Amino acid sequence: MSDAALDGARGVLAAHGLPVEVERAGHAGDMLLVTAPPERIEDVRACAADLRKLGFRYVTIEIVPDA
């Protein structure tokens, strides 16, 4: 299911060269789960402040070697 915040998150990450998977998580839906390979963790971390501005309280990274 897509929404404006998820679309915004995809846009922020893609603008930084990160076409990664994202989804909402958590009971309140205020957690963003980003699936990324280990070598891109710092790149995702660099986007965290912009992702939180979209309304996500938490940004989590799921490390997947083959993402």
N, C-alpha and C. Protein backbone atom coordinates (compact mmCIF):
# COMPACT_ATOMS: atom_id res chain seq x y z
N MET A 1 0.84 -1.17 0.00
CA MET A 1 0.00 0.00 0.00
C MET A 1 0.89 1.24 0.00
N SER A 2 0.59 2.18 -0.85
CA SER A 2 1.41 3.36 -0.99
C SER A 2 0.70 4.56 -0.36
N ASP A 3 1.46 5.50 0.12
CA ASP A 3 0.90 6.75 0.60
C ASP A 3 1.92 7.85 0.32
N ALA A 4 1.54 9.08 0.59
CA ALA A 4 2.40 10.22 0.26
C ALA A 4 3.74 10.16 1.00
N ALA A 5 3.74 9.76 2.27
CA ALA A 5 5.00 9.70 3.03
C ALA A 5 5.93 8.64 2.45
N LEU A 6 5.38 7.49 2.08
CA LEU A 6 6.22 6.44 1.49
C LEU A 6 6.75 6.88 0.13
N ASP A 7 5.89 7.53 -0.66
CA ASP A 7 6.35 8.03 -1.95
C ASP A 7 7.45 9.07 -1.75
N GLY A 8 7.28 9.92 -0.74
CA GLY A 8 8.30 10.92 -0.43
C GLY A 8 9.61 10.27 -0.01
N ALA A 9 9.50 9.22 0.80
CA ALA A 9 10.71 8.50 1.25
C ALA A 9 11.43 7.88 0.06
N ARG A 10 10.67 7.29 -0.84
CA ARG A 10 11.30 6.72 -2.05
C ARG A 10 12.01 7.81 -2.84
N GLY A 11 11.38 8.98 -2.93
CA GLY A 11 11.98 10.09 -3.66
C GLY A 11 13.26 10.59 -3.02
N VAL A 12 13.24 10.74 -1.70
CA VAL A 12 14.44 11.19 -0.98
C VAL A 12 15.58 10.21 -1.20
N LEU A 13 15.29 8.93 -1.04
CA LEU A 13 16.34 7.92 -1.18
C LEU A 13 16.83 7.81 -2.63
N ALA A 14 15.91 7.87 -3.59
CA ALA A 14 16.31 7.80 -5.00
C ALA A 14 17.17 9.00 -5.39
N ALA A 15 16.87 10.17 -4.83
CA ALA A 15 17.66 11.37 -5.13
C ALA A 15 19.10 11.22 -4.66
N HIS A 16 19.31 10.33 -3.70
CA HIS A 16 20.66 10.04 -3.21
C HIS A 16 21.22 8.76 -3.82
N GLY A 17 20.62 8.31 -4.91
CA GLY A 17 21.11 7.12 -5.60
C GLY A 17 20.78 5.82 -4.88
N LEU A 18 19.71 5.82 -4.10
CA LEU A 18 19.33 4.64 -3.31
C LEU A 18 17.95 4.13 -3.71
N PRO A 19 17.84 3.39 -4.78
CA PRO A 19 16.55 2.81 -5.15
C PRO A 19 16.28 1.56 -4.30
N VAL A 20 16.02 1.77 -3.01
CA VAL A 20 15.84 0.67 -2.08
C VAL A 20 14.35 0.48 -1.76
N GLU A 21 14.03 -0.63 -1.13
CA GLU A 21 12.66 -0.91 -0.72
C GLU A 21 12.34 -0.20 0.59
N VAL A 22 11.12 0.33 0.69
CA VAL A 22 10.68 0.96 1.93
C VAL A 22 9.27 0.50 2.26
N GLU A 23 8.96 0.46 3.54
CA GLU A 23 7.61 0.14 3.98
C GLU A 23 7.39 0.73 5.36
N ARG A 24 6.12 0.90 5.70
CA ARG A 24 5.75 1.37 7.04
C ARG A 24 5.79 0.19 7.99
N ALA A 25 6.11 0.50 9.23
CA ALA A 25 6.13 -0.54 10.27
C ALA A 25 5.71 0.09 11.59
N GLY A 26 5.58 -0.74 12.59
CA GLY A 26 5.22 -0.27 13.91
C GLY A 26 3.72 -0.16 14.09
N HIS A 27 3.30 -0.19 15.32
CA HIS A 27 1.88 -0.15 15.66
C HIS A 27 1.21 1.12 15.13
N ALA A 28 1.88 2.25 15.25
CA ALA A 28 1.30 3.52 14.82
C ALA A 28 1.64 3.85 13.36
N GLY A 29 2.42 3.00 12.71
CA GLY A 29 2.82 3.26 11.33
C GLY A 29 3.80 4.41 11.21
N ASP A 30 4.45 4.76 12.33
CA ASP A 30 5.37 5.89 12.32
C ASP A 30 6.84 5.47 12.16
N MET A 31 7.04 4.24 11.77
CA MET A 31 8.39 3.71 11.56
C MET A 31 8.58 3.42 10.07
N LEU A 32 9.67 3.86 9.53
CA LEU A 32 10.01 3.56 8.15
C LEU A 32 11.06 2.46 8.15
N LEU A 33 10.80 1.41 7.45
CA LEU A 33 11.75 0.30 7.31
C LEU A 33 12.37 0.40 5.92
N VAL A 34 13.68 0.56 5.88
CA VAL A 34 14.42 0.66 4.62
C VAL A 34 15.25 -0.60 4.48
N THR A 35 15.09 -1.30 3.38
CA THR A 35 15.87 -2.51 3.11
C THR A 35 17.03 -2.11 2.20
N ALA A 36 18.26 -2.32 2.69
CA ALA A 36 19.44 -1.88 1.95
C ALA A 36 20.59 -2.85 2.15
N PRO A 37 21.50 -2.89 1.18
CA PRO A 37 22.70 -3.72 1.34
C PRO A 37 23.66 -3.07 2.33
N PRO A 38 24.52 -3.86 2.97
CA PRO A 38 25.42 -3.34 4.01
C PRO A 38 26.27 -2.15 3.56
N GLU A 39 26.70 -2.14 2.34
CA GLU A 39 27.58 -1.07 1.88
C GLU A 39 26.86 0.27 1.68
N ARG A 40 25.53 0.29 1.80
CA ARG A 40 24.76 1.53 1.64
C ARG A 40 24.18 2.06 2.95
N ILE A 41 24.53 1.45 4.08
CA ILE A 41 23.98 1.86 5.37
C ILE A 41 24.26 3.34 5.66
N GLU A 42 25.48 3.76 5.47
CA GLU A 42 25.83 5.16 5.75
C GLU A 42 25.08 6.11 4.84
N ASP A 43 24.83 5.70 3.60
CA ASP A 43 24.06 6.54 2.67
C ASP A 43 22.62 6.70 3.16
N VAL A 44 22.04 5.62 3.66
CA VAL A 44 20.68 5.70 4.20
C VAL A 44 20.68 6.57 5.46
N ARG A 45 21.66 6.37 6.32
CA ARG A 45 21.76 7.18 7.54
C ARG A 45 21.83 8.66 7.23
N ALA A 46 22.51 9.02 6.16
CA ALA A 46 22.64 10.42 5.77
C ALA A 46 21.29 11.03 5.38
N CYS A 47 20.34 10.21 5.03
CA CYS A 47 19.00 10.66 4.62
C CYS A 47 18.00 10.67 5.77
N ALA A 48 18.39 10.18 6.93
CA ALA A 48 17.45 9.97 8.04
C ALA A 48 16.71 11.24 8.44
N ALA A 49 17.39 12.37 8.54
CA ALA A 49 16.73 13.61 8.95
C ALA A 49 15.64 14.00 7.95
N ASP A 50 15.94 13.87 6.66
CA ASP A 50 14.93 14.19 5.64
C ASP A 50 13.76 13.21 5.69
N LEU A 51 14.04 11.96 5.99
CA LEU A 51 12.98 10.96 6.10
C LEU A 51 12.09 11.23 7.30
N ARG A 52 12.68 11.66 8.39
CA ARG A 52 11.88 11.99 9.59
C ARG A 52 10.99 13.21 9.33
N LYS A 53 11.43 14.12 8.50
CA LYS A 53 10.62 15.30 8.16
C LYS A 53 9.33 14.89 7.43
N LEU A 54 9.30 13.71 6.87
CA LEU A 54 8.11 13.22 6.18
C LEU A 54 7.07 12.68 7.15
N GLY A 55 7.41 12.65 8.43
CA GLY A 55 6.47 12.19 9.44
C GLY A 55 6.81 10.87 10.11
N PHE A 56 7.94 10.30 9.74
CA PHE A 56 8.36 9.05 10.37
C PHE A 56 9.13 9.36 11.65
N ARG A 57 8.70 8.77 12.73
CA ARG A 57 9.38 8.99 14.01
C ARG A 57 10.69 8.22 14.06
N TYR A 58 10.69 7.04 13.48
CA TYR A 58 11.87 6.18 13.46
C TYR A 58 12.19 5.78 12.03
N VAL A 59 13.48 5.69 11.74
CA VAL A 59 13.95 5.16 10.46
C VAL A 59 14.81 3.97 10.80
N THR A 60 14.41 2.80 10.34
CA THR A 60 15.18 1.58 10.61
C THR A 60 15.72 1.03 9.31
N ILE A 61 16.84 0.36 9.41
CA ILE A 61 17.49 -0.21 8.23
C ILE A 61 17.57 -1.72 8.40
N GLU A 62 16.98 -2.42 7.46
CA GLU A 62 17.12 -3.88 7.41
C GLU A 62 18.27 -4.18 6.46
N ILE A 63 19.29 -4.82 6.97
CA ILE A 63 20.46 -5.11 6.15
C ILE A 63 20.26 -6.43 5.43
N VAL A 64 20.28 -6.34 4.11
CA VAL A 64 20.08 -7.51 3.27
C VAL A 64 21.24 -7.57 2.27
N PRO A 65 22.09 -8.58 2.37
CA PRO A 65 23.26 -8.64 1.49
C PRO A 65 22.93 -8.58 0.01
N ASP A 66 21.80 -9.12 -0.40
CA ASP A 66 21.47 -9.15 -1.82
C ASP A 66 20.42 -8.14 -2.21
N ALA A 67 20.24 -7.08 -1.43
CA ALA A 67 19.19 -6.08 -1.73
C ALA A 67 19.54 -5.28 -2.96
